[in-house]
Amino acid sequence: MTNLVYKLIDKDLWSDFEANRRFDGAPVDHADGFIHLSDGGQVEETARRHFAEQDDLMILALDADRLGPQLIWEPSRNAALFPHLYRSLSLDDIVWAKPLPLGPDGTHDFSGLLG
């Protein structure tokens, strides 16, 4: 079974990623020195906290086991371990990418997206 982690990015960053086949991170990633990721139990809260009501999001799924030793699980929110990637992403790292729509209540609709 694949051990998935997730990245939330806006559609403009996704378009640039597809065109360049490389993603060096969003502004928050640059500021912190790593690419912020979430596991399946964290990604919905990440969307609520950092992307509330943002209607142009993509959710990218990545195989954690294939990201290599640069993927480090470090304490973050409430001392929970979050996956942080200390390298750029390649399109080859992406298992799948899908739009993350807003539901009628204004929160992101993860229905059918997470295993």
PDB file of N, CA and C in Angstrom:
ATOM      1  N   MET A   1       0.828  -1.185   0.000  1.00  0.00           N
ATOM      2  CA  MET A   1       0.000   0.000   0.000  1.00  0.00           C
ATOM      3  C   MET A   1       0.872   1.247   0.000  1.00  0.00           C
ATOM      4  N   THR A   2       0.484   2.227  -0.750  1.00  0.00           N
ATOM      5  CA  THR A   2       1.261   3.459  -0.867  1.00  0.00           C
ATOM      6  C   THR A   2       1.040   4.343   0.355  1.00  0.00           C
ATOM      7  N   ASN A   3       2.115   4.891   0.860  1.00  0.00           N
ATOM      8  CA  ASN A   3       2.107   5.801   1.998  1.00  0.00           C
ATOM      9  C   ASN A   3       2.063   7.221   1.446  1.00  0.00           C
ATOM     10  N   LEU A   4       0.860   7.798   1.314  1.00  0.00           N
ATOM     11  CA  LEU A   4       0.725   9.101   0.670  1.00  0.00           C
ATOM     12  C   LEU A   4       0.866  10.256   1.651  1.00  0.00           C
ATOM     13  N   VAL A   5       1.513  11.320   1.167  1.00  0.00           N
ATOM     14  CA  VAL A   5       1.520  12.618   1.815  1.00  0.00           C
ATOM     15  C   VAL A   5       1.010  13.612   0.773  1.00  0.00           C
ATOM     16  N   TYR A   6       0.605  14.795   1.238  1.00  0.00           N
ATOM     17  CA  TYR A   6      -0.106  15.714   0.362  1.00  0.00           C
ATOM     18  C   TYR A   6       0.481  17.120   0.425  1.00  0.00           C
ATOM     19  N   LYS A   7       0.379  17.807  -0.713  1.00  0.00           N
ATOM     20  CA  LYS A   7       0.760  19.215  -0.828  1.00  0.00           C
ATOM     21  C   LYS A   7      -0.430  19.965  -1.393  1.00  0.00           C
ATOM     22  N   LEU A   8      -0.784  21.079  -0.778  1.00  0.00           N
ATOM     23  CA  LEU A   8      -1.825  21.953  -1.278  1.00  0.00           C
ATOM     24  C   LEU A   8      -1.159  23.167  -1.921  1.00  0.00           C
ATOM     25  N   ILE A   9      -1.511  23.425  -3.177  1.00  0.00           N
ATOM     26  CA  ILE A   9      -0.977  24.602  -3.869  1.00  0.00           C
ATOM     27  C   ILE A   9      -2.085  25.199  -4.728  1.00  0.00           C
ATOM     28  N   ASP A  10      -1.922  26.482  -5.055  1.00  0.00           N
ATOM     29  CA  ASP A  10      -2.936  27.088  -5.911  1.00  0.00           C
ATOM     30  C   ASP A  10      -2.691  26.685  -7.366  1.00  0.00           C
ATOM     31  N   LYS A  11      -3.709  26.901  -8.179  1.00  0.00           N
ATOM     32  CA  LYS A  11      -3.652  26.439  -9.575  1.00  0.00           C
ATOM     33  C   LYS A  11      -2.570  27.136 -10.379  1.00  0.00           C
ATOM     34  N   ASP A  12      -2.236  28.391 -10.057  1.00  0.00           N
ATOM     35  CA  ASP A  12      -1.153  29.071 -10.761  1.00  0.00           C
ATOM     36  C   ASP A  12       0.192  28.402 -10.485  1.00  0.00           C
ATOM     37  N   LEU A  13       0.449  28.061  -9.212  1.00  0.00           N
ATOM     38  CA  LEU A  13       1.689  27.350  -8.881  1.00  0.00           C
ATOM     39  C   LEU A  13       1.718  25.979  -9.548  1.00  0.00           C
ATOM     40  N   TRP A  14       0.572  25.308  -9.605  1.00  0.00           N
ATOM     41  CA  TRP A  14       0.495  24.005 -10.270  1.00  0.00           C
ATOM     42  C   TRP A  14       0.810  24.142 -11.760  1.00  0.00           C
ATOM     43  N   SER A  15       0.292  25.168 -12.400  1.00  0.00           N
ATOM     44  CA  SER A  15       0.582  25.394 -13.830  1.00  0.00           C
ATOM     45  C   SER A  15       2.070  25.608 -14.054  1.00  0.00           C
ATOM     46  N   ASP A  16       2.691  26.404 -13.178  1.00  0.00           N
ATOM     47  CA  ASP A  16       4.143  26.621 -13.274  1.00  0.00           C
ATOM     48  C   ASP A  16       4.904  25.317 -13.048  1.00  0.00           C
ATOM     49  N   PHE A  17       4.458  24.532 -12.078  1.00  0.00           N
ATOM     50  CA  PHE A  17       5.075  23.242 -11.775  1.00  0.00           C
ATOM     51  C   PHE A  17       5.011  22.341 -13.011  1.00  0.00           C
ATOM     52  N   GLU A  18       3.850  22.247 -13.620  1.00  0.00           N
ATOM     53  CA  GLU A  18       3.702  21.409 -14.815  1.00  0.00           C
ATOM     54  C   GLU A  18       4.599  21.899 -15.951  1.00  0.00           C
ATOM     55  N   ALA A  19       4.662  23.194 -16.143  1.00  0.00           N
ATOM     56  CA  ALA A  19       5.457  23.752 -17.240  1.00  0.00           C
ATOM     57  C   ALA A  19       6.954  23.523 -17.023  1.00  0.00           C
ATOM     58  N   ASN A  20       7.407  23.688 -15.777  1.00  0.00           N
ATOM     59  CA  ASN A  20       8.836  23.573 -15.465  1.00  0.00           C
ATOM     60  C   ASN A  20       9.255  22.170 -15.031  1.00  0.00           C
ATOM     61  N   ARG A  21       8.251  21.314 -14.745  1.00  0.00           N
ATOM     62  CA  ARG A  21       8.484  19.953 -14.266  1.00  0.00           C
ATOM     63  C   ARG A  21       9.249  19.920 -12.937  1.00  0.00           C
ATOM     64  N   ARG A  22       9.245  21.061 -12.235  1.00  0.00           N
ATOM     65  CA  ARG A  22       9.966  21.196 -10.970  1.00  0.00           C
ATOM     66  C   ARG A  22       9.228  22.231 -10.116  1.00  0.00           C
ATOM     67  N   PHE A  23       9.193  21.957  -8.812  1.00  0.00           N
ATOM     68  CA  PHE A  23       8.551  22.871  -7.872  1.00  0.00           C
ATOM     69  C   PHE A  23       9.501  23.083  -6.702  1.00  0.00           C
ATOM     70  N   ASP A  24       9.927  24.331  -6.536  1.00  0.00           N
ATOM     71  CA  ASP A  24      10.855  24.669  -5.461  1.00  0.00           C
ATOM     72  C   ASP A  24      10.142  25.153  -4.206  1.00  0.00           C
ATOM     73  N   GLY A  25       8.817  25.221  -4.267  1.00  0.00           N
ATOM     74  CA  GLY A  25       8.048  25.592  -3.088  1.00  0.00           C
ATOM     75  C   GLY A  25       7.260  26.865  -3.268  1.00  0.00           C
ATOM     76  N   ALA A  26       6.266  27.010  -2.424  1.00  0.00           N
ATOM     77  CA  ALA A  26       5.462  28.219  -2.332  1.00  0.00           C
ATOM     78  C   ALA A  26       6.217  29.221  -1.449  1.00  0.00           C
ATOM     79  N   PRO A  27       5.764  30.469  -1.398  1.00  0.00           N
ATOM     80  CA  PRO A  27       6.463  31.453  -0.554  1.00  0.00           C
ATOM     81  C   PRO A  27       6.667  31.005   0.897  1.00  0.00           C
ATOM     82  N   VAL A  28       5.686  30.358   1.505  1.00  0.00           N
ATOM     83  CA  VAL A  28       5.852  29.888   2.888  1.00  0.00           C
ATOM     84  C   VAL A  28       6.939  28.813   2.972  1.00  0.00           C
ATOM     85  N   ASP A  29       7.058  27.992   1.945  1.00  0.00           N
ATOM     86  CA  ASP A  29       8.106  26.968   1.918  1.00  0.00           C
ATOM     87  C   ASP A  29       9.482  27.625   1.837  1.00  0.00           C
ATOM     88  N   HIS A  30       9.595  28.630   0.992  1.00  0.00           N
ATOM     89  CA  HIS A  30      10.868  29.350   0.857  1.00  0.00           C
ATOM     90  C   HIS A  30      11.255  29.979   2.198  1.00  0.00           C
ATOM     91  N   ALA A  31      10.278  30.585   2.869  1.00  0.00           N
ATOM     92  CA  ALA A  31      10.552  31.244   4.147  1.00  0.00           C
ATOM     93  C   ALA A  31      11.035  30.260   5.205  1.00  0.00           C
ATOM     94  N   ASP A  32      10.491  29.050   5.191  1.00  0.00           N
ATOM     95  CA  ASP A  32      10.832  28.067   6.221  1.00  0.00           C
ATOM     96  C   ASP A  32      11.968  27.129   5.824  1.00  0.00           C
ATOM     97  N   GLY A  33      12.354  27.106   4.559  1.00  0.00           N
ATOM     98  CA  GLY A  33      13.494  26.306   4.128  1.00  0.00           C
ATOM     99  C   GLY A  33      13.173  24.864   3.781  1.00  0.00           C
ATOM    100  N   PHE A  34      11.899  24.531   3.661  1.00  0.00           N
ATOM    101  CA  PHE A  34      11.490  23.187   3.267  1.00  0.00           C
ATOM    102  C   PHE A  34      10.086  23.267   2.678  1.00  0.00           C
ATOM    103  N   ILE A  35       9.692  22.209   1.981  1.00  0.00           N
ATOM    104  CA  ILE A  35       8.342  22.140   1.425  1.00  0.00           C
ATOM    105  C   ILE A  35       7.432  21.489   2.458  1.00  0.00           C
ATOM    106  N   HIS A  36       6.403  22.236   2.846  1.00  0.00           N
ATOM    107  CA  HIS A  36       5.416  21.761   3.815  1.00  0.00           C
ATOM    108  C   HIS A  36       4.510  20.718   3.171  1.00  0.00           C
ATOM    109  N   LEU A  37       4.376  19.577   3.812  1.00  0.00           N
ATOM    110  CA  LEU A  37       3.469  18.521   3.386  1.00  0.00           C
ATOM    111  C   LEU A  37       2.598  18.128   4.572  1.00  0.00           C
ATOM    112  N   SER A  38       1.570  17.361   4.309  1.00  0.00           N
ATOM    113  CA  SER A  38       0.691  16.847   5.362  1.00  0.00           C
ATOM    114  C   SER A  38       0.390  15.387   5.068  1.00  0.00           C
ATOM    115  N   ASP A  39       0.160  14.615   6.127  1.00  0.00           N
ATOM    116  CA  ASP A  39      -0.304  13.249   5.886  1.00  0.00           C
ATOM    117  C   ASP A  39      -1.827  13.261   5.785  1.00  0.00           C
ATOM    118  N   GLY A  40      -2.413  12.099   5.560  1.00  0.00           N
ATOM    119  CA  GLY A  40      -3.855  12.017   5.340  1.00  0.00           C
ATOM    120  C   GLY A  40      -4.689  12.474   6.523  1.00  0.00           C
ATOM    121  N   GLY A  41      -4.166  12.382   7.721  1.00  0.00           N
ATOM    122  CA  GLY A  41      -4.889  12.826   8.896  1.00  0.00           C
ATOM    123  C   GLY A  41      -4.706  14.297   9.207  1.00  0.00           C
ATOM    124  N   GLN A  42      -3.809  14.956   8.491  1.00  0.00           N
ATOM    125  CA  GLN A  42      -3.479  16.358   8.754  1.00  0.00           C
ATOM    126  C   GLN A  42      -3.960  17.316   7.670  1.00  0.00           C
ATOM    127  N   VAL A  43      -4.151  16.817   6.457  1.00  0.00           N
ATOM    128  CA  VAL A  43      -4.331  17.710   5.312  1.00  0.00           C
ATOM    129  C   VAL A  43      -5.615  18.531   5.387  1.00  0.00           C
ATOM    130  N   GLU A  44      -6.685  17.973   5.937  1.00  0.00           N
ATOM    131  CA  GLU A  44      -7.931  18.745   6.027  1.00  0.00           C
ATOM    132  C   GLU A  44      -7.777  19.915   6.995  1.00  0.00           C
ATOM    133  N   GLU A  45      -7.107  19.692   8.119  1.00  0.00           N
ATOM    134  CA  GLU A  45      -6.847  20.788   9.064  1.00  0.00           C
ATOM    135  C   GLU A  45      -5.901  21.818   8.449  1.00  0.00           C
ATOM    136  N   THR A  46      -4.924  21.369   7.692  1.00  0.00           N
ATOM    137  CA  THR A  46      -4.036  22.302   6.990  1.00  0.00           C
ATOM    138  C   THR A  46      -4.837  23.193   6.053  1.00  0.00           C
ATOM    139  N   ALA A  47      -5.778  22.608   5.325  1.00  0.00           N
ATOM    140  CA  ALA A  47      -6.626  23.397   4.426  1.00  0.00           C
ATOM    141  C   ALA A  47      -7.446  24.413   5.211  1.00  0.00           C
ATOM    142  N   ARG A  48      -8.011  23.994   6.333  1.00  0.00           N
ATOM    143  CA  ARG A  48      -8.828  24.901   7.155  1.00  0.00           C
ATOM    144  C   ARG A  48      -7.999  26.056   7.710  1.00  0.00           C
ATOM    145  N   ARG A  49      -6.809  25.745   8.191  1.00  0.00           N
ATOM    146  CA  ARG A  49      -5.982  26.767   8.851  1.00  0.00           C
ATOM    147  C   ARG A  49      -5.309  27.726   7.872  1.00  0.00           C
ATOM    148  N   HIS A  50      -4.850  27.195   6.748  1.00  0.00           N
ATOM    149  CA  HIS A  50      -3.976  28.003   5.886  1.00  0.00           C
ATOM    150  C   HIS A  50      -4.578  28.366   4.530  1.00  0.00           C
ATOM    151  N   PHE A  51      -5.685  27.738   4.165  1.00  0.00           N
ATOM    152  CA  PHE A  51      -6.263  27.971   2.836  1.00  0.00           C
ATOM    153  C   PHE A  51      -7.780  28.171   2.906  1.00  0.00           C
ATOM    154  N   ALA A  52      -8.277  28.670   4.022  1.00  0.00           N
ATOM    155  CA  ALA A  52      -9.720  28.814   4.225  1.00  0.00           C
ATOM    156  C   ALA A  52     -10.362  29.594   3.075  1.00  0.00           C
ATOM    157  N   GLU A  53     -11.410  29.008   2.528  1.00  0.00           N
ATOM    158  CA  GLU A  53     -12.232  29.606   1.479  1.00  0.00           C
ATOM    159  C   GLU A  53     -11.480  29.896   0.172  1.00  0.00           C
ATOM    160  N   GLN A  54     -10.266  29.375   0.033  1.00  0.00           N
ATOM    161  CA  GLN A  54      -9.505  29.559  -1.210  1.00  0.00           C
ATOM    162  C   GLN A  54     -10.048  28.586  -2.248  1.00  0.00           C
ATOM    163  N   ASP A  55     -10.544  29.128  -3.355  1.00  0.00           N
ATOM    164  CA  ASP A  55     -11.255  28.292  -4.326  1.00  0.00           C
ATOM    165  C   ASP A  55     -10.422  27.847  -5.522  1.00  0.00           C
ATOM    166  N   ASP A  56      -9.124  28.082  -5.478  1.00  0.00           N
ATOM    167  CA  ASP A  56      -8.282  27.709  -6.617  1.00  0.00           C
ATOM    168  C   ASP A  56      -7.201  26.705  -6.238  1.00  0.00           C
ATOM    169  N   LEU A  57      -7.525  25.802  -5.315  1.00  0.00           N
ATOM    170  CA  LEU A  57      -6.509  24.873  -4.812  1.00  0.00           C
ATOM    171  C   LEU A  57      -6.450  23.572  -5.605  1.00  0.00           C
ATOM    172  N   MET A  58      -5.250  23.024  -5.607  1.00  0.00           N
ATOM    173  CA  MET A  58      -4.988  21.675  -6.089  1.00  0.00           C
ATOM    174  C   MET A  58      -4.452  20.881  -4.900  1.00  0.00           C
ATOM    175  N   ILE A  59      -4.798  19.611  -4.853  1.00  0.00           N
ATOM    176  CA  ILE A  59      -4.196  18.703  -3.885  1.00  0.00           C
ATOM    177  C   ILE A  59      -3.318  17.734  -4.661  1.00  0.00           C
ATOM    178  N   LEU A  60      -2.065  17.651  -4.249  1.00  0.00           N
ATOM    179  CA  LEU A  60      -1.095  16.765  -4.884  1.00  0.00           C
ATOM    180  C   LEU A  60      -0.799  15.624  -3.924  1.00  0.00           C
ATOM    181  N   ALA A  61      -0.838  14.410  -4.412  1.00  0.00           N
ATOM    182  CA  ALA A  61      -0.496  13.240  -3.613  1.00  0.00           C
ATOM    183  C   ALA A  61       0.893  12.766  -4.016  1.00  0.00           C
ATOM    184  N   LEU A  62       1.702  12.459  -3.016  1.00  0.00           N
ATOM    185  CA  LEU A  62       3.065  11.998  -3.235  1.00  0.00           C
ATOM    186  C   LEU A  62       3.298  10.730  -2.426  1.00  0.00           C
ATOM    187  N   ASP A  63       4.080   9.836  -2.957  1.00  0.00           N
ATOM    188  CA  ASP A  63       4.436   8.604  -2.261  1.00  0.00           C
ATOM    189  C   ASP A  63       5.594   8.922  -1.312  1.00  0.00           C
ATOM    190  N   ALA A  64       5.304   8.943  -0.011  1.00  0.00           N
ATOM    191  CA  ALA A  64       6.313   9.312   0.985  1.00  0.00           C
ATOM    192  C   ALA A  64       7.544   8.415   0.909  1.00  0.00           C
ATOM    193  N   ASP A  65       7.332   7.147   0.612  1.00  0.00           N
ATOM    194  CA  ASP A  65       8.456   6.209   0.573  1.00  0.00           C
ATOM    195  C   ASP A  65       9.406   6.482  -0.588  1.00  0.00           C
ATOM    196  N   ARG A  66       8.924   7.156  -1.623  1.00  0.00           N
ATOM    197  CA  ARG A  66       9.768   7.451  -2.788  1.00  0.00           C
ATOM    198  C   ARG A  66      10.434   8.819  -2.722  1.00  0.00           C
ATOM    199  N   LEU A  67      10.126   9.626  -1.692  1.00  0.00           N
ATOM    200  CA  LEU A  67      10.695  10.971  -1.614  1.00  0.00           C
ATOM    201  C   LEU A  67      12.128  10.982  -1.090  1.00  0.00           C
ATOM    202  N   GLY A  68      12.554   9.878  -0.534  1.00  0.00           N
ATOM    203  CA  GLY A  68      13.944   9.754  -0.125  1.00  0.00           C
ATOM    204  C   GLY A  68      14.229  10.332   1.248  1.00  0.00           C
ATOM    205  N   PRO A  69      15.517  10.356   1.617  1.00  0.00           N
ATOM    206  CA  PRO A  69      15.908  10.772   2.964  1.00  0.00           C
ATOM    207  C   PRO A  69      15.706  12.269   3.226  1.00  0.00           C
ATOM    208  N   GLN A  70      15.404  13.031   2.195  1.00  0.00           N
ATOM    209  CA  GLN A  70      15.147  14.461   2.400  1.00  0.00           C
ATOM    210  C   GLN A  70      13.752  14.715   2.966  1.00  0.00           C
ATOM    211  N   LEU A  71      12.914  13.679   3.071  1.00  0.00           N
ATOM    212  CA  LEU A  71      11.620  13.788   3.733  1.00  0.00           C
ATOM    213  C   LEU A  71      11.843  13.489   5.212  1.00  0.00           C
ATOM    214  N   ILE A  72      11.620  14.499   6.033  1.00  0.00           N
ATOM    215  CA  ILE A  72      11.863  14.377   7.471  1.00  0.00           C
ATOM    216  C   ILE A  72      10.574  14.719   8.210  1.00  0.00           C
ATOM    217  N   TRP A  73      10.201  13.872   9.140  1.00  0.00           N
ATOM    218  CA  TRP A  73       9.009  14.085   9.965  1.00  0.00           C
ATOM    219  C   TRP A  73       9.441  14.868  11.191  1.00  0.00           C
ATOM    220  N   GLU A  74       8.907  16.090  11.325  1.00  0.00           N
ATOM    221  CA  GLU A  74       9.340  16.979  12.399  1.00  0.00           C
ATOM    222  C   GLU A  74       8.134  17.512  13.178  1.00  0.00           C
ATOM    223  N   PRO A  75       8.335  17.803  14.475  1.00  0.00           N
ATOM    224  CA  PRO A  75       7.247  18.355  15.277  1.00  0.00           C
ATOM    225  C   PRO A  75       6.795  19.711  14.739  1.00  0.00           C
ATOM    226  N   SER A  76       5.501  19.895  14.725  1.00  0.00           N
ATOM    227  CA  SER A  76       4.918  21.160  14.290  1.00  0.00           C
ATOM    228  C   SER A  76       3.686  21.416  15.149  1.00  0.00           C
ATOM    229  N   ARG A  77       2.550  21.636  14.522  1.00  0.00           N
ATOM    230  CA  ARG A  77       1.309  21.976  15.213  1.00  0.00           C
ATOM    231  C   ARG A  77       1.008  20.965  16.330  1.00  0.00           C
ATOM    232  N   ASN A  78       0.869  21.452  17.549  1.00  0.00           N
ATOM    233  CA  ASN A  78       0.561  20.615  18.719  1.00  0.00           C
ATOM    234  C   ASN A  78       1.544  19.456  18.882  1.00  0.00           C
ATOM    235  N   ALA A  79       2.787  19.667  18.496  1.00  0.00           N
ATOM    236  CA  ALA A  79       3.864  18.675  18.603  1.00  0.00           C
ATOM    237  C   ALA A  79       3.645  17.458  17.709  1.00  0.00           C
ATOM    238  N   ALA A  80       2.651  17.509  16.820  1.00  0.00           N
ATOM    239  CA  ALA A  80       2.441  16.409  15.868  1.00  0.00           C
ATOM    240  C   ALA A  80       3.582  16.405  14.860  1.00  0.00           C
ATOM    241  N   LEU A  81       3.954  15.224  14.397  1.00  0.00           N
ATOM    242  CA  LEU A  81       5.006  15.111  13.395  1.00  0.00           C
ATOM    243  C   LEU A  81       4.413  15.373  12.009  1.00  0.00           C
ATOM    244  N   PHE A  82       4.997  16.330  11.310  1.00  0.00           N
ATOM    245  CA  PHE A  82       4.574  16.672   9.954  1.00  0.00           C
ATOM    246  C   PHE A  82       5.704  16.352   8.985  1.00  0.00           C
ATOM    247  N   PRO A  83       5.356  15.934   7.768  1.00  0.00           N
ATOM    248  CA  PRO A  83       6.380  15.663   6.761  1.00  0.00           C
ATOM    249  C   PRO A  83       6.880  16.968   6.136  1.00  0.00           C
ATOM    250  N   HIS A  84       8.185  17.164   6.210  1.00  0.00           N
ATOM    251  CA  HIS A  84       8.846  18.324   5.609  1.00  0.00           C
ATOM    252  C   HIS A  84       9.859  17.807   4.591  1.00  0.00           C
ATOM    253  N   LEU A  85       9.808  18.363   3.390  1.00  0.00           N
ATOM    254  CA  LEU A  85      10.694  17.898   2.325  1.00  0.00           C
ATOM    255  C   LEU A  85      11.782  18.927   2.071  1.00  0.00           C
ATOM    256  N   TYR A  86      13.029  18.507   2.216  1.00  0.00           N
ATOM    257  CA  TYR A  86      14.184  19.379   2.055  1.00  0.00           C
ATOM    258  C   TYR A  86      14.819  19.206   0.681  1.00  0.00           C
ATOM    259  N   ARG A  87      13.994  19.271  -0.332  1.00  0.00           N
ATOM    260  CA  ARG A  87      14.448  19.277  -1.722  1.00  0.00           C
ATOM    261  C   ARG A  87      13.278  19.714  -2.581  1.00  0.00           C
ATOM    262  N   SER A  88      13.554  20.004  -3.832  1.00  0.00           N
ATOM    263  CA  SER A  88      12.498  20.370  -4.780  1.00  0.00           C
ATOM    264  C   SER A  88      11.686  19.139  -5.145  1.00  0.00           C
ATOM    265  N   LEU A  89      10.476  19.394  -5.603  1.00  0.00           N
ATOM    266  CA  LEU A  89       9.637  18.325  -6.138  1.00  0.00           C
ATOM    267  C   LEU A  89       9.786  18.254  -7.642  1.00  0.00           C
ATOM    268  N   SER A  90       9.725  17.054  -8.157  1.00  0.00           N
ATOM    269  CA  SER A  90       9.702  16.792  -9.588  1.00  0.00           C
ATOM    270  C   SER A  90       8.307  16.296  -9.938  1.00  0.00           C
ATOM    271  N   LEU A  91       7.892  16.487 -11.180  1.00  0.00           N
ATOM    272  CA  LEU A  91       6.613  15.927 -11.605  1.00  0.00           C
ATOM    273  C   LEU A  91       6.586  14.414 -11.402  1.00  0.00           C
ATOM    274  N   ASP A  92       7.740  13.781 -11.476  1.00  0.00           N
ATOM    275  CA  ASP A  92       7.816  12.336 -11.259  1.00  0.00           C
ATOM    276  C   ASP A  92       7.454  11.939  -9.824  1.00  0.00           C
ATOM    277  N   ASP A  93       7.506  12.902  -8.884  1.00  0.00           N
ATOM    278  CA  ASP A  93       7.146  12.621  -7.492  1.00  0.00           C
ATOM    279  C   ASP A  93       5.637  12.552  -7.283  1.00  0.00           C
ATOM    280  N   ILE A  94       4.870  13.073  -8.232  1.00  0.00           N
ATOM    281  CA  ILE A  94       3.429  13.197  -8.061  1.00  0.00           C
ATOM    282  C   ILE A  94       2.735  11.887  -8.429  1.00  0.00           C
ATOM    283  N   VAL A  95       1.968  11.342  -7.498  1.00  0.00           N
ATOM    284  CA  VAL A  95       1.156  10.153  -7.755  1.00  0.00           C
ATOM    285  C   VAL A  95      -0.116  10.568  -8.478  1.00  0.00           C
ATOM    286  N   TRP A  96      -0.751  11.634  -7.982  1.00  0.00           N
ATOM    287  CA  TRP A  96      -1.903  12.220  -8.663  1.00  0.00           C
ATOM    288  C   TRP A  96      -2.067  13.667  -8.199  1.00  0.00           C
ATOM    289  N   ALA A  97      -2.756  14.443  -9.013  1.00  0.00           N
ATOM    290  CA  ALA A  97      -3.067  15.843  -8.710  1.00  0.00           C
ATOM    291  C   ALA A  97      -4.510  16.090  -9.124  1.00  0.00           C
ATOM    292  N   LYS A  98      -5.272  16.708  -8.222  1.00  0.00           N
ATOM    293  CA  LYS A  98      -6.691  16.961  -8.493  1.00  0.00           C
ATOM    294  C   LYS A  98      -7.089  18.315  -7.920  1.00  0.00           C
ATOM    295  N   PRO A  99      -8.089  18.936  -8.535  1.00  0.00           N
ATOM    296  CA  PRO A  99      -8.634  20.164  -7.940  1.00  0.00           C
ATOM    297  C   PRO A  99      -9.247  19.847  -6.574  1.00  0.00           C
ATOM    298  N   LEU A 100      -9.151  20.801  -5.662  1.00  0.00           N
ATOM    299  CA  LEU A 100      -9.746  20.667  -4.344  1.00  0.00           C
ATOM    300  C   LEU A 100     -10.865  21.702  -4.225  1.00  0.00           C
ATOM    301  N   PRO A 101     -12.091  21.295  -4.531  1.00  0.00           N
ATOM    302  CA  PRO A 101     -13.196  22.265  -4.583  1.00  0.00           C
ATOM    303  C   PRO A 101     -13.669  22.677  -3.195  1.00  0.00           C
ATOM    304  N   LEU A 102     -14.359  23.802  -3.187  1.00  0.00           N
ATOM    305  CA  LEU A 102     -15.060  24.228  -1.976  1.00  0.00           C
ATOM    306  C   LEU A 102     -16.445  23.613  -1.980  1.00  0.00           C
ATOM    307  N   GLY A 103     -16.883  23.162  -0.824  1.00  0.00           N
ATOM    308  CA  GLY A 103     -18.238  22.661  -0.687  1.00  0.00           C
ATOM    309  C   GLY A 103     -19.212  23.811  -0.467  1.00  0.00           C
ATOM    310  N   PRO A 104     -20.493  23.508  -0.390  1.00  0.00           N
ATOM    311  CA  PRO A 104     -21.515  24.542  -0.214  1.00  0.00           C
ATOM    312  C   PRO A 104     -21.337  25.365   1.063  1.00  0.00           C
ATOM    313  N   ASP A 105     -20.678  24.785   2.075  1.00  0.00           N
ATOM    314  CA  ASP A 105     -20.475  25.505   3.334  1.00  0.00           C
ATOM    315  C   ASP A 105     -19.205  26.345   3.331  1.00  0.00           C
ATOM    316  N   GLY A 106     -18.468  26.363   2.200  1.00  0.00           N
ATOM    317  CA  GLY A 106     -17.255  27.177   2.094  1.00  0.00           C
ATOM    318  C   GLY A 106     -15.990  26.492   2.564  1.00  0.00           C
ATOM    319  N   THR A 107     -16.096  25.235   3.019  1.00  0.00           N
ATOM    320  CA  THR A 107     -14.895  24.488   3.383  1.00  0.00           C
ATOM    321  C   THR A 107     -14.517  23.570   2.224  1.00  0.00           C
ATOM    322  N   HIS A 108     -13.287  23.143   2.196  1.00  0.00           N
ATOM    323  CA  HIS A 108     -12.815  22.286   1.111  1.00  0.00           C
ATOM    324  C   HIS A 108     -13.453  20.905   1.200  1.00  0.00           C
ATOM    325  N   ASP A 109     -13.830  20.396   0.044  1.00  0.00           N
ATOM    326  CA  ASP A 109     -14.511  19.109  -0.047  1.00  0.00           C
ATOM    327  C   ASP A 109     -13.498  18.023  -0.420  1.00  0.00           C
ATOM    328  N   PHE A 110     -13.130  17.223   0.552  1.00  0.00           N
ATOM    329  CA  PHE A 110     -12.149  16.158   0.344  1.00  0.00           C
ATOM    330  C   PHE A 110     -12.802  14.842  -0.038  1.00  0.00           C
ATOM    331  N   SER A 111     -14.107  14.850  -0.289  1.00  0.00           N
ATOM    332  CA  SER A 111     -14.846  13.622  -0.611  1.00  0.00           C
ATOM    333  C   SER A 111     -14.173  12.857  -1.747  1.00  0.00           C
ATOM    334  N   GLY A 112     -13.877  11.601  -1.482  1.00  0.00           N
ATOM    335  CA  GLY A 112     -13.300  10.732  -2.501  1.00  0.00           C
ATOM    336  C   GLY A 112     -11.839  10.977  -2.821  1.00  0.00           C
ATOM    337  N   LEU A 113     -11.178  11.901  -2.111  1.00  0.00           N
ATOM    338  CA  LEU A 113      -9.787  12.219  -2.429  1.00  0.00           C
ATOM    339  C   LEU A 113      -8.777  11.460  -1.582  1.00  0.00           C
ATOM    340  N   LEU A 114      -9.094  11.240  -0.336  1.00  0.00           N
ATOM    341  CA  LEU A 114      -8.141  10.609   0.586  1.00  0.00           C
ATOM    342  C   LEU A 114      -8.507   9.147   0.778  1.00  0.00           C
ATOM    343  N   GLY A 115      -7.462   8.304   0.757  1.00  0.00           N
ATOM    344  CA  GLY A 115      -7.665   6.874   0.873  1.00  0.00           C
ATOM    345  C   GLY A 115      -8.303   6.502   2.137  1.00  0.00           C
TER     346      GLY A 115
END
